Amino acid sequence: MRVLWILGVLAATAASTADAAEWRYCYGADRPGHRFYLSAPFRTSEPMIRIELDFQRRLIAEGLGEIHTGCPRAADKAGILALMREAERFNREEGNRLFALDWPEAEPVASR
């Protein structure tokens, strides 16, 4: 009986972790170079600091150096897509060139 109770708690914990996942995208702003880098939208429950560090590592690996980054969040995919459209619009108006990055790669951050 105790084993069933433990399995039930584990299942409930897994379900609540999945429910806690948020939609995000990450960006890198190279203001002096007038470039704005965008990731694909993704769903994750990873801490923001880990996501941002992973994204910064990717930018450095691409030879872009350490530029200002962020990973905004939204409750759903529609919300994150709206945030991305607004960021794209703003950066175009500011004269920045937009670049899409294939990140996260095939394996989302949340599954690492």
PDB file of N, CA and C in Angstrom:
ATOM      1  N   MET A   1       0.823  -1.196   0.000  1.00  0.00           N
ATOM      2  CA  MET A   1       0.000   0.000   0.000  1.00  0.00           C
ATOM      3  C   MET A   1       0.868   1.262   0.000  1.00  0.00           C
ATOM      4  N   ARG A   2       1.939   1.229   0.806  1.00  0.00           N
ATOM      5  CA  ARG A   2       2.836   2.383   0.876  1.00  0.00           C
ATOM      6  C   ARG A   2       3.483   2.651  -0.492  1.00  0.00           C
ATOM      7  N   VAL A   3       3.820   1.593  -1.234  1.00  0.00           N
ATOM      8  CA  VAL A   3       4.421   1.748  -2.551  1.00  0.00           C
ATOM      9  C   VAL A   3       3.453   2.463  -3.489  1.00  0.00           C
ATOM     10  N   LEU A   4       2.177   2.122  -3.445  1.00  0.00           N
ATOM     11  CA  LEU A   4       1.182   2.790  -4.282  1.00  0.00           C
ATOM     12  C   LEU A   4       1.081   4.269  -3.922  1.00  0.00           C
ATOM     13  N   TRP A   5       1.161   4.586  -2.638  1.00  0.00           N
ATOM     14  CA  TRP A   5       1.090   5.981  -2.199  1.00  0.00           C
ATOM     15  C   TRP A   5       2.292   6.757  -2.754  1.00  0.00           C
ATOM     16  N   ILE A   6       3.486   6.164  -2.657  1.00  0.00           N
ATOM     17  CA  ILE A   6       4.697   6.820  -3.161  1.00  0.00           C
ATOM     18  C   ILE A   6       4.601   7.020  -4.671  1.00  0.00           C
ATOM     19  N   LEU A   7       4.123   6.007  -5.391  1.00  0.00           N
ATOM     20  CA  LEU A   7       3.950   6.143  -6.842  1.00  0.00           C
ATOM     21  C   LEU A   7       2.960   7.253  -7.171  1.00  0.00           C
ATOM     22  N   GLY A   8       1.906   7.362  -6.394  1.00  0.00           N
ATOM     23  CA  GLY A   8       0.920   8.423  -6.603  1.00  0.00           C
ATOM     24  C   GLY A   8       1.522   9.807  -6.399  1.00  0.00           C
ATOM     25  N   VAL A   9       2.342   9.949  -5.365  1.00  0.00           N
ATOM     26  CA  VAL A   9       3.003  11.232  -5.106  1.00  0.00           C
ATOM     27  C   VAL A   9       3.955  11.568  -6.245  1.00  0.00           C
ATOM     28  N   LEU A  10       4.710  10.595  -6.697  1.00  0.00           N
ATOM     29  CA  LEU A  10       5.632  10.831  -7.813  1.00  0.00           C
ATOM     30  C   LEU A  10       4.899  11.230  -9.082  1.00  0.00           C
ATOM     31  N   ALA A  11       3.794  10.577  -9.371  1.00  0.00           N
ATOM     32  CA  ALA A  11       3.004  10.916 -10.558  1.00  0.00           C
ATOM     33  C   ALA A  11       2.441  12.329 -10.449  1.00  0.00           C
ATOM     34  N   ALA A  12       1.958  12.693  -9.277  1.00  0.00           N
ATOM     35  CA  ALA A  12       1.412  14.043  -9.076  1.00  0.00           C
ATOM     36  C   ALA A  12       2.506  15.092  -9.219  1.00  0.00           C
ATOM     37  N   THR A  13       3.692  14.792  -8.709  1.00  0.00           N
ATOM     38  CA  THR A  13       4.810  15.728  -8.823  1.00  0.00           C
ATOM     39  C   THR A  13       5.211  15.911 -10.272  1.00  0.00           C
ATOM     40  N   ALA A  14       5.276  14.843 -11.023  1.00  0.00           N
ATOM     41  CA  ALA A  14       5.629  14.931 -12.446  1.00  0.00           C
ATOM     42  C   ALA A  14       4.596  15.745 -13.207  1.00  0.00           C
ATOM     43  N   ALA A  15       3.325  15.532 -12.900  1.00  0.00           N
ATOM     44  CA  ALA A  15       2.265  16.278 -13.580  1.00  0.00           C
ATOM     45  C   ALA A  15       2.340  17.758 -13.244  1.00  0.00           C
ATOM     46  N   SER A  16       2.619  18.104 -11.986  1.00  0.00           N
ATOM     47  CA  SER A  16       2.680  19.517 -11.626  1.00  0.00           C
ATOM     48  C   SER A  16       3.904  20.185 -12.232  1.00  0.00           C
ATOM     49  N   THR A  17       5.003  19.452 -12.393  1.00  0.00           N
ATOM     50  CA  THR A  17       6.182  20.008 -13.051  1.00  0.00           C
ATOM     51  C   THR A  17       5.882  20.311 -14.513  1.00  0.00           C
ATOM     52  N   ALA A  18       5.195  19.403 -15.188  1.00  0.00           N
ATOM     53  CA  ALA A  18       4.822  19.641 -16.587  1.00  0.00           C
ATOM     54  C   ALA A  18       3.875  20.828 -16.692  1.00  0.00           C
ATOM     55  N   ASP A  19       2.950  20.950 -15.740  1.00  0.00           N
ATOM     56  CA  ASP A  19       2.024  22.074 -15.759  1.00  0.00           C
ATOM     57  C   ASP A  19       2.748  23.391 -15.519  1.00  0.00           C
ATOM     58  N   ALA A  20       3.880  23.356 -14.793  1.00  0.00           N
ATOM     59  CA  ALA A  20       4.615  24.568 -14.466  1.00  0.00           C
ATOM     60  C   ALA A  20       5.454  25.063 -15.640  1.00  0.00           C
ATOM     61  N   ALA A  21       5.534  24.312 -16.716  1.00  0.00           N
ATOM     62  CA  ALA A  21       6.334  24.728 -17.866  1.00  0.00           C
ATOM     63  C   ALA A  21       5.761  26.006 -18.454  1.00  0.00           C
ATOM     64  N   GLU A  22       6.671  26.870 -18.901  1.00  0.00           N
ATOM     65  CA  GLU A  22       6.276  28.138 -19.490  1.00  0.00           C
ATOM     66  C   GLU A  22       6.816  28.200 -20.911  1.00  0.00           C
ATOM     67  N   TRP A  23       6.227  29.055 -21.690  1.00  0.00           N
ATOM     68  CA  TRP A  23       6.736  29.289 -23.041  1.00  0.00           C
ATOM     69  C   TRP A  23       7.746  30.413 -22.974  1.00  0.00           C
ATOM     70  N   ARG A  24       8.845  30.259 -23.684  1.00  0.00           N
ATOM     71  CA  ARG A  24       9.919  31.258 -23.712  1.00  0.00           C
ATOM     72  C   ARG A  24      10.515  31.362 -25.110  1.00  0.00           C
ATOM     73  N   TYR A  25      11.230  32.418 -25.323  1.00  0.00           N
ATOM     74  CA  TYR A  25      12.171  32.544 -26.422  1.00  0.00           C
ATOM     75  C   TYR A  25      13.342  33.321 -25.845  1.00  0.00           C
ATOM     76  N   CYS A  26      14.490  33.240 -26.463  1.00  0.00           N
ATOM     77  CA  CYS A  26      15.642  33.999 -25.997  1.00  0.00           C
ATOM     78  C   CYS A  26      16.098  34.939 -27.092  1.00  0.00           C
ATOM     79  N   TYR A  27      16.684  36.047 -26.671  1.00  0.00           N
ATOM     80  CA  TYR A  27      17.206  37.011 -27.623  1.00  0.00           C
ATOM     81  C   TYR A  27      18.595  37.454 -27.204  1.00  0.00           C
ATOM     82  N   GLY A  28      19.327  37.920 -28.169  1.00  0.00           N
ATOM     83  CA  GLY A  28      20.620  38.546 -27.939  1.00  0.00           C
ATOM     84  C   GLY A  28      20.625  39.871 -28.671  1.00  0.00           C
ATOM     85  N   ALA A  29      20.916  40.937 -27.950  1.00  0.00           N
ATOM     86  CA  ALA A  29      20.910  42.274 -28.541  1.00  0.00           C
ATOM     87  C   ALA A  29      22.335  42.802 -28.644  1.00  0.00           C
ATOM     88  N   ASP A  30      22.801  42.951 -29.857  1.00  0.00           N
ATOM     89  CA  ASP A  30      24.113  43.535 -30.134  1.00  0.00           C
ATOM     90  C   ASP A  30      23.856  44.970 -30.575  1.00  0.00           C
ATOM     91  N   ARG A  31      23.748  45.853 -29.613  1.00  0.00           N
ATOM     92  CA  ARG A  31      23.383  47.245 -29.919  1.00  0.00           C
ATOM     93  C   ARG A  31      24.420  47.950 -30.795  1.00  0.00           C
ATOM     94  N   PRO A  32      25.731  47.858 -30.468  1.00  0.00           N
ATOM     95  CA  PRO A  32      26.700  48.538 -31.337  1.00  0.00           C
ATOM     96  C   PRO A  32      26.680  48.006 -32.781  1.00  0.00           C
ATOM     97  N   GLY A  33      26.445  46.706 -32.936  1.00  0.00           N
ATOM     98  CA  GLY A  33      26.416  46.102 -34.272  1.00  0.00           C
ATOM     99  C   GLY A  33      25.060  46.170 -34.934  1.00  0.00           C
ATOM    100  N   HIS A  34      24.059  46.725 -34.239  1.00  0.00           N
ATOM    101  CA  HIS A  34      22.681  46.826 -34.753  1.00  0.00           C
ATOM    102  C   HIS A  34      22.146  45.477 -35.216  1.00  0.00           C
ATOM    103  N   ARG A  35      22.366  44.450 -34.365  1.00  0.00           N
ATOM    104  CA  ARG A  35      21.871  43.105 -34.663  1.00  0.00           C
ATOM    105  C   ARG A  35      21.025  42.617 -33.498  1.00  0.00           C
ATOM    106  N   PHE A  36      19.980  41.866 -33.832  1.00  0.00           N
ATOM    107  CA  PHE A  36      19.090  41.298 -32.820  1.00  0.00           C
ATOM    108  C   PHE A  36      18.872  39.832 -33.165  1.00  0.00           C
ATOM    109  N   TYR A  37      19.272  38.950 -32.254  1.00  0.00           N
ATOM    110  CA  TYR A  37      19.201  37.506 -32.475  1.00  0.00           C
ATOM    111  C   TYR A  37      18.026  36.928 -31.699  1.00  0.00           C
ATOM    112  N   LEU A  38      17.254  36.064 -32.357  1.00  0.00           N
ATOM    113  CA  LEU A  38      16.084  35.429 -31.740  1.00  0.00           C
ATOM    114  C   LEU A  38      16.184  33.922 -31.826  1.00  0.00           C
ATOM    115  N   SER A  39      15.811  33.255 -30.726  1.00  0.00           N
ATOM    116  CA  SER A  39      15.701  31.800 -30.755  1.00  0.00           C
ATOM    117  C   SER A  39      14.309  31.423 -31.238  1.00  0.00           C
ATOM    118  N   ALA A  40      14.103  30.146 -31.402  1.00  0.00           N
ATOM    119  CA  ALA A  40      12.755  29.638 -31.653  1.00  0.00           C
ATOM    120  C   ALA A  40      11.997  29.664 -30.323  1.00  0.00           C
ATOM    121  N   PRO A  41      10.671  29.715 -30.358  1.00  0.00           N
ATOM    122  CA  PRO A  41       9.914  29.608 -29.102  1.00  0.00           C
ATOM    123  C   PRO A  41      10.010  28.173 -28.583  1.00  0.00           C
ATOM    124  N   PHE A  42      10.010  28.025 -27.271  1.00  0.00           N
ATOM    125  CA  PHE A  42      10.093  26.690 -26.679  1.00  0.00           C
ATOM    126  C   PHE A  42       9.395  26.683 -25.325  1.00  0.00           C
ATOM    127  N   ARG A  43       9.027  25.488 -24.922  1.00  0.00           N
ATOM    128  CA  ARG A  43       8.359  25.303 -23.636  1.00  0.00           C
ATOM    129  C   ARG A  43       9.344  24.638 -22.682  1.00  0.00           C
ATOM    130  N   THR A  44       9.461  25.163 -21.456  1.00  0.00           N
ATOM    131  CA  THR A  44      10.422  24.632 -20.499  1.00  0.00           C
ATOM    132  C   THR A  44       9.983  24.905 -19.063  1.00  0.00           C
ATOM    133  N   SER A  45      10.519  24.118 -18.164  1.00  0.00           N
ATOM    134  CA  SER A  45      10.331  24.361 -16.736  1.00  0.00           C
ATOM    135  C   SER A  45      11.681  24.603 -16.062  1.00  0.00           C
ATOM    136  N   GLU A  46      12.736  24.751 -16.878  1.00  0.00           N
ATOM    137  CA  GLU A  46      14.078  25.015 -16.352  1.00  0.00           C
ATOM    138  C   GLU A  46      14.143  26.423 -15.757  1.00  0.00           C
ATOM    139  N   PRO A  47      15.008  26.630 -14.763  1.00  0.00           N
ATOM    140  CA  PRO A  47      15.189  27.974 -14.196  1.00  0.00           C
ATOM    141  C   PRO A  47      15.717  28.947 -15.252  1.00  0.00           C
ATOM    142  N   MET A  48      15.275  30.182 -15.167  1.00  0.00           N
ATOM    143  CA  MET A  48      15.644  31.183 -16.156  1.00  0.00           C
ATOM    144  C   MET A  48      17.161  31.343 -16.248  1.00  0.00           C
ATOM    145  N   ILE A  49      17.862  31.314 -15.136  1.00  0.00           N
ATOM    146  CA  ILE A  49      19.308  31.519 -15.165  1.00  0.00           C
ATOM    147  C   ILE A  49      19.998  30.443 -16.000  1.00  0.00           C
ATOM    148  N   ARG A  50      19.535  29.213 -15.906  1.00  0.00           N
ATOM    149  CA  ARG A  50      20.132  28.132 -16.701  1.00  0.00           C
ATOM    150  C   ARG A  50      19.864  28.326 -18.188  1.00  0.00           C
ATOM    151  N   ILE A  51      18.648  28.717 -18.508  1.00  0.00           N
ATOM    152  CA  ILE A  51      18.289  28.932 -19.912  1.00  0.00           C
ATOM    153  C   ILE A  51      19.140  30.054 -20.498  1.00  0.00           C
ATOM    154  N   GLU A  52      19.243  31.168 -19.771  1.00  0.00           N
ATOM    155  CA  GLU A  52      20.009  32.300 -20.278  1.00  0.00           C
ATOM    156  C   GLU A  52      21.490  31.959 -20.421  1.00  0.00           C
ATOM    157  N   LEU A  53      22.045  31.226 -19.460  1.00  0.00           N
ATOM    158  CA  LEU A  53      23.455  30.824 -19.573  1.00  0.00           C
ATOM    159  C   LEU A  53      23.680  29.911 -20.775  1.00  0.00           C
ATOM    160  N   ASP A  54      22.754  28.971 -21.010  1.00  0.00           N
ATOM    161  CA  ASP A  54      22.855  28.098 -22.186  1.00  0.00           C
ATOM    162  C   ASP A  54      22.821  28.923 -23.473  1.00  0.00           C
ATOM    163  N   PHE A  55      21.932  29.906 -23.512  1.00  0.00           N
ATOM    164  CA  PHE A  55      21.807  30.743 -24.703  1.00  0.00           C
ATOM    165  C   PHE A  55      23.061  31.596 -24.890  1.00  0.00           C
ATOM    166  N   GLN A  56      23.585  32.166 -23.801  1.00  0.00           N
ATOM    167  CA  GLN A  56      24.810  32.956 -23.899  1.00  0.00           C
ATOM    168  C   GLN A  56      25.969  32.111 -24.406  1.00  0.00           C
ATOM    169  N   ARG A  57      26.057  30.863 -23.916  1.00  0.00           N
ATOM    170  CA  ARG A  57      27.111  29.958 -24.402  1.00  0.00           C
ATOM    171  C   ARG A  57      26.983  29.737 -25.903  1.00  0.00           C
ATOM    172  N   ARG A  58      25.762  29.604 -26.370  1.00  0.00           N
ATOM    173  CA  ARG A  58      25.533  29.403 -27.807  1.00  0.00           C
ATOM    174  C   ARG A  58      26.001  30.618 -28.599  1.00  0.00           C
ATOM    175  N   LEU A  59      25.680  31.807 -28.122  1.00  0.00           N
ATOM    176  CA  LEU A  59      26.095  33.022 -28.822  1.00  0.00           C
ATOM    177  C   LEU A  59      27.620  33.136 -28.858  1.00  0.00           C
ATOM    178  N   ILE A  60      28.264  32.822 -27.761  1.00  0.00           N
ATOM    179  CA  ILE A  60      29.726  32.863 -27.703  1.00  0.00           C
ATOM    180  C   ILE A  60      30.317  31.829 -28.659  1.00  0.00           C
ATOM    181  N   ALA A  61      29.714  30.626 -28.698  1.00  0.00           N
ATOM    182  CA  ALA A  61      30.183  29.573 -29.612  1.00  0.00           C
ATOM    183  C   ALA A  61      30.033  30.002 -31.072  1.00  0.00           C
ATOM    184  N   GLU A  62      29.034  30.833 -31.355  1.00  0.00           N
ATOM    185  CA  GLU A  62      28.824  31.344 -32.719  1.00  0.00           C
ATOM    186  C   GLU A  62      29.778  32.490 -33.049  1.00  0.00           C
ATOM    187  N   GLY A  63      30.596  32.891 -32.069  1.00  0.00           N
ATOM    188  CA  GLY A  63      31.544  33.977 -32.292  1.00  0.00           C
ATOM    189  C   GLY A  63      30.943  35.357 -32.111  1.00  0.00           C
ATOM    190  N   LEU A  64      29.797  35.429 -31.441  1.00  0.00           N
ATOM    191  CA  LEU A  64      29.121  36.713 -31.284  1.00  0.00           C
ATOM    192  C   LEU A  64      29.554  37.464 -30.036  1.00  0.00           C
ATOM    193  N   GLY A  65      30.352  36.850 -29.193  1.00  0.00           N
ATOM    194  CA  GLY A  65      30.802  37.504 -27.974  1.00  0.00           C
ATOM    195  C   GLY A  65      29.711  37.566 -26.936  1.00  0.00           C
ATOM    196  N   GLU A  66      30.001  38.307 -25.901  1.00  0.00           N
ATOM    197  CA  GLU A  66      29.032  38.449 -24.817  1.00  0.00           C
ATOM    198  C   GLU A  66      28.170  39.673 -25.098  1.00  0.00           C
ATOM    199  N   ILE A  67      26.942  39.424 -25.505  1.00  0.00           N
ATOM    200  CA  ILE A  67      26.010  40.507 -25.778  1.00  0.00           C
ATOM    201  C   ILE A  67      24.839  40.398 -24.813  1.00  0.00           C
ATOM    202  N   HIS A  68      24.056  41.453 -24.718  1.00  0.00           N
ATOM    203  CA  HIS A  68      22.916  41.467 -23.798  1.00  0.00           C
ATOM    204  C   HIS A  68      21.899  40.400 -24.209  1.00  0.00           C
ATOM    205  N   THR A  69      21.500  39.571 -23.257  1.00  0.00           N
ATOM    206  CA  THR A  69      20.532  38.510 -23.551  1.00  0.00           C
ATOM    207  C   THR A  69      19.369  38.553 -22.569  1.00  0.00           C
ATOM    208  N   GLY A  70      18.314  37.902 -22.970  1.00  0.00           N
ATOM    209  CA  GLY A  70      17.144  37.730 -22.120  1.00  0.00           C
ATOM    210  C   GLY A  70      16.289  36.618 -22.674  1.00  0.00           C
ATOM    211  N   CYS A  71      15.430  36.074 -21.809  1.00  0.00           N
ATOM    212  CA  CYS A  71      14.544  34.991 -22.229  1.00  0.00           C
ATOM    213  C   CYS A  71      13.151  35.249 -21.664  1.00  0.00           C
ATOM    214  N   PRO A  72      12.383  36.131 -22.330  1.00  0.00           N
ATOM    215  CA  PRO A  72      11.029  36.431 -21.851  1.00  0.00           C
ATOM    216  C   PRO A  72      10.155  35.191 -21.802  1.00  0.00           C
ATOM    217  N   ARG A  73       9.116  35.242 -20.993  1.00  0.00           N
ATOM    218  CA  ARG A  73       8.221  34.098 -20.844  1.00  0.00           C
ATOM    219  C   ARG A  73       6.770  34.517 -21.015  1.00  0.00           C
ATOM    220  N   ALA A  74       5.951  33.517 -21.313  1.00  0.00           N
ATOM    221  CA  ALA A  74       4.503  33.707 -21.429  1.00  0.00           C
ATOM    222  C   ALA A  74       3.829  32.409 -21.014  1.00  0.00           C
ATOM    223  N   ALA A  75       2.564  32.493 -20.707  1.00  0.00           N
ATOM    224  CA  ALA A  75       1.812  31.322 -20.252  1.00  0.00           C
ATOM    225  C   ALA A  75       1.513  30.341 -21.373  1.00  0.00           C
ATOM    226  N   ASP A  76       1.448  30.846 -22.614  1.00  0.00           N
ATOM    227  CA  ASP A  76       1.096  29.953 -23.718  1.00  0.00           C
ATOM    228  C   ASP A  76       1.853  30.359 -24.977  1.00  0.00           C
ATOM    229  N   LYS A  77       1.741  29.519 -25.992  1.00  0.00           N
ATOM    230  CA  LYS A  77       2.479  29.750 -27.236  1.00  0.00           C
ATOM    231  C   LYS A  77       2.023  31.033 -27.921  1.00  0.00           C
ATOM    232  N   ALA A  78       0.732  31.296 -27.913  1.00  0.00           N
ATOM    233  CA  ALA A  78       0.229  32.525 -28.535  1.00  0.00           C
ATOM    234  C   ALA A  78       0.837  33.750 -27.866  1.00  0.00           C
ATOM    235  N   GLY A  79       0.967  33.707 -26.563  1.00  0.00           N
ATOM    236  CA  GLY A  79       1.548  34.825 -25.826  1.00  0.00           C
ATOM    237  C   GLY A  79       3.008  35.050 -26.174  1.00  0.00           C
ATOM    238  N   ILE A  80       3.769  33.962 -26.275  1.00  0.00           N
ATOM    239  CA  ILE A  80       5.199  34.127 -26.578  1.00  0.00           C
ATOM    240  C   ILE A  80       5.396  34.579 -28.020  1.00  0.00           C
ATOM    241  N   LEU A  81       4.547  34.103 -28.932  1.00  0.00           N
ATOM    242  CA  LEU A  81       4.637  34.559 -30.323  1.00  0.00           C
ATOM    243  C   LEU A  81       4.317  36.049 -30.433  1.00  0.00           C
ATOM    244  N   ALA A  82       3.359  36.519 -29.636  1.00  0.00           N
ATOM    245  CA  ALA A  82       3.028  37.954 -29.629  1.00  0.00           C
ATOM    246  C   ALA A  82       4.219  38.768 -29.113  1.00  0.00           C
ATOM    247  N   LEU A  83       4.880  38.285 -28.069  1.00  0.00           N
ATOM    248  CA  LEU A  83       6.063  38.981 -27.539  1.00  0.00           C
ATOM    249  C   LEU A  83       7.173  39.016 -28.583  1.00  0.00           C
ATOM    250  N   MET A  84       7.356  37.924 -29.299  1.00  0.00           N
ATOM    251  CA  MET A  84       8.387  37.867 -30.328  1.00  0.00           C
ATOM    252  C   MET A  84       8.085  38.848 -31.465  1.00  0.00           C
ATOM    253  N   ARG A  85       6.829  38.910 -31.882  1.00  0.00           N
ATOM    254  CA  ARG A  85       6.449  39.853 -32.952  1.00  0.00           C
ATOM    255  C   ARG A  85       6.726  41.293 -32.517  1.00  0.00           C
ATOM    256  N   GLU A  86       6.416  41.601 -31.262  1.00  0.00           N
ATOM    257  CA  GLU A  86       6.654  42.956 -30.760  1.00  0.00           C
ATOM    258  C   GLU A  86       8.150  43.265 -30.718  1.00  0.00           C
ATOM    259  N   ALA A  87       8.965  42.309 -30.291  1.00  0.00           N
ATOM    260  CA  ALA A  87      10.417  42.505 -30.268  1.00  0.00           C
ATOM    261  C   ALA A  87      10.954  42.707 -31.681  1.00  0.00           C
ATOM    262  N   GLU A  88      10.448  41.931 -32.626  1.00  0.00           N
ATOM    263  CA  GLU A  88      10.868  42.080 -34.018  1.00  0.00           C
ATOM    264  C   GLU A  88      10.496  43.461 -34.549  1.00  0.00           C
ATOM    265  N   ARG A  89       9.259  43.881 -34.294  1.00  0.00           N
ATOM    266  CA  ARG A  89       8.793  45.190 -34.757  1.00  0.00           C
ATOM    267  C   ARG A  89       9.658  46.305 -34.174  1.00  0.00           C
ATOM    268  N   PHE A  90       9.872  46.270 -32.875  1.00  0.00           N
ATOM    269  CA  PHE A  90      10.657  47.301 -32.199  1.00  0.00           C
ATOM    270  C   PHE A  90      12.073  47.368 -32.769  1.00  0.00           C
ATOM    271  N   ASN A  91      12.704  46.220 -32.936  1.00  0.00           N
ATOM    272  CA  ASN A  91      14.084  46.211 -33.427  1.00  0.00           C
ATOM    273  C   ASN A  91      14.193  46.666 -34.867  1.00  0.00           C
ATOM    274  N   ARG A  92      13.216  46.340 -35.692  1.00  0.00           N
ATOM    275  CA  ARG A  92      13.218  46.860 -37.066  1.00  0.00           C
ATOM    276  C   ARG A  92      13.127  48.387 -37.056  1.00  0.00           C
ATOM    277  N   GLU A  93      12.227  48.908 -36.213  1.00  0.00           N
ATOM    278  CA  GLU A  93      12.073  50.360 -36.116  1.00  0.00           C
ATOM    279  C   GLU A  93      13.352  51.031 -35.629  1.00  0.00           C
ATOM    280  N   GLU A  94      14.121  50.346 -34.802  1.00  0.00           N
ATOM    281  CA  GLU A  94      15.383  50.873 -34.280  1.00  0.00           C
ATOM    282  C   GLU A  94      16.532  50.709 -35.275  1.00  0.00           C
ATOM    283  N   GLY A  95      16.255  50.084 -36.410  1.00  0.00           N
ATOM    284  CA  GLY A  95      17.272  49.911 -37.436  1.00  0.00           C
ATOM    285  C   GLY A  95      18.164  48.701 -37.242  1.00  0.00           C
ATOM    286  N   ASN A  96      17.736  47.767 -36.421  1.00  0.00           N
ATOM    287  CA  ASN A  96      18.525  46.555 -36.185  1.00  0.00           C
ATOM    288  C   ASN A  96      18.162  45.474 -37.194  1.00  0.00           C
ATOM    289  N   ARG A  97      19.168  44.690 -37.575  1.00  0.00           N
ATOM    290  CA  ARG A  97      18.917  43.533 -38.433  1.00  0.00           C
ATOM    291  C   ARG A  97      18.545  42.357 -37.544  1.00  0.00           C
ATOM    292  N   LEU A  98      17.584  41.550 -37.990  1.00  0.00           N
ATOM    293  CA  LEU A  98      17.111  40.397 -37.216  1.00  0.00           C
ATOM    294  C   LEU A  98      17.741  39.115 -37.741  1.00  0.00           C
ATOM    295  N   PHE A  99      18.119  38.247 -36.807  1.00  0.00           N
ATOM    296  CA  PHE A  99      18.704  36.956 -37.143  1.00  0.00           C
ATOM    297  C   PHE A  99      18.023  35.875 -36.310  1.00  0.00           C
ATOM    298  N   ALA A 100      17.521  34.844 -36.977  1.00  0.00           N
ATOM    299  CA  ALA A 100      16.917  33.704 -36.279  1.00  0.00           C
ATOM    300  C   ALA A 100      18.006  32.671 -35.995  1.00  0.00           C
ATOM    301  N   LEU A 101      18.063  32.210 -34.761  1.00  0.00           N
ATOM    302  CA  LEU A 101      19.022  31.174 -34.379  1.00  0.00           C
ATOM    303  C   LEU A 101      18.292  29.862 -34.171  1.00  0.00           C
ATOM    304  N   ASP A 102      18.896  28.799 -34.614  1.00  0.00           N
ATOM    305  CA  ASP A 102      18.332  27.464 -34.402  1.00  0.00           C
ATOM    306  C   ASP A 102      18.684  27.023 -32.976  1.00  0.00           C
ATOM    307  N   TRP A 103      17.942  27.562 -32.034  1.00  0.00           N
ATOM    308  CA  TRP A 103      18.167  27.262 -30.621  1.00  0.00           C
ATOM    309  C   TRP A 103      16.832  27.327 -29.887  1.00  0.00           C
ATOM    310  N   PRO A 104      16.514  26.480 -28.972  1.00  0.00           N
ATOM    311  CA  PRO A 104      17.343  25.332 -28.622  1.00  0.00           C
ATOM    312  C   PRO A 104      17.363  24.324 -29.757  1.00  0.00           C
ATOM    313  N   GLU A 105      18.444  23.557 -29.795  1.00  0.00           N
ATOM    314  CA  GLU A 105      18.599  22.569 -30.856  1.00  0.00           C
ATOM    315  C   GLU A 105      17.507  21.511 -30.731  1.00  0.00           C
ATOM    316  N   ALA A 106      17.691  20.388 -31.392  1.00  0.00           N
ATOM    317  CA  ALA A 106      16.681  19.336 -31.421  1.00  0.00           C
ATOM    318  C   ALA A 106      16.230  18.907 -30.033  1.00  0.00           C
ATOM    319  N   GLU A 107      17.138  18.986 -29.061  1.00  0.00           N
ATOM    320  CA  GLU A 107      16.792  18.587 -27.700  1.00  0.00           C
ATOM    321  C   GLU A 107      16.492  19.839 -26.881  1.00  0.00           C
ATOM    322  N   PRO A 108      15.233  20.067 -26.522  1.00  0.00           N
ATOM    323  CA  PRO A 108      14.878  21.269 -25.771  1.00  0.00           C
ATOM    324  C   PRO A 108      15.606  21.333 -24.424  1.00  0.00           C
ATOM    325  N   VAL A 109      15.780  22.538 -23.929  1.00  0.00           N
ATOM    326  CA  VAL A 109      16.448  22.762 -22.654  1.00  0.00           C
ATOM    327  C   VAL A 109      15.791  21.943 -21.552  1.00  0.00           C
ATOM    328  N   ALA A 110      14.475  21.863 -21.555  1.00  0.00           N
ATOM    329  CA  ALA A 110      13.745  21.197 -20.478  1.00  0.00           C
ATOM    330  C   ALA A 110      14.043  19.714 -20.377  1.00  0.00           C
ATOM    331  N   SER A 111      14.518  19.106 -21.460  1.00  0.00           N
ATOM    332  CA  SER A 111      14.745  17.664 -21.413  1.00  0.00           C
ATOM    333  C   SER A 111      16.195  17.305 -21.122  1.00  0.00           C
ATOM    334  N   ARG A 112      17.050  18.284 -20.949  1.00  0.00           N
ATOM    335  CA  ARG A 112      18.461  18.015 -20.650  1.00  0.00           C
ATOM    336  C   ARG A 112      18.649  17.636 -19.206  1.00  0.00           C
TER     337      ARG A 112
END
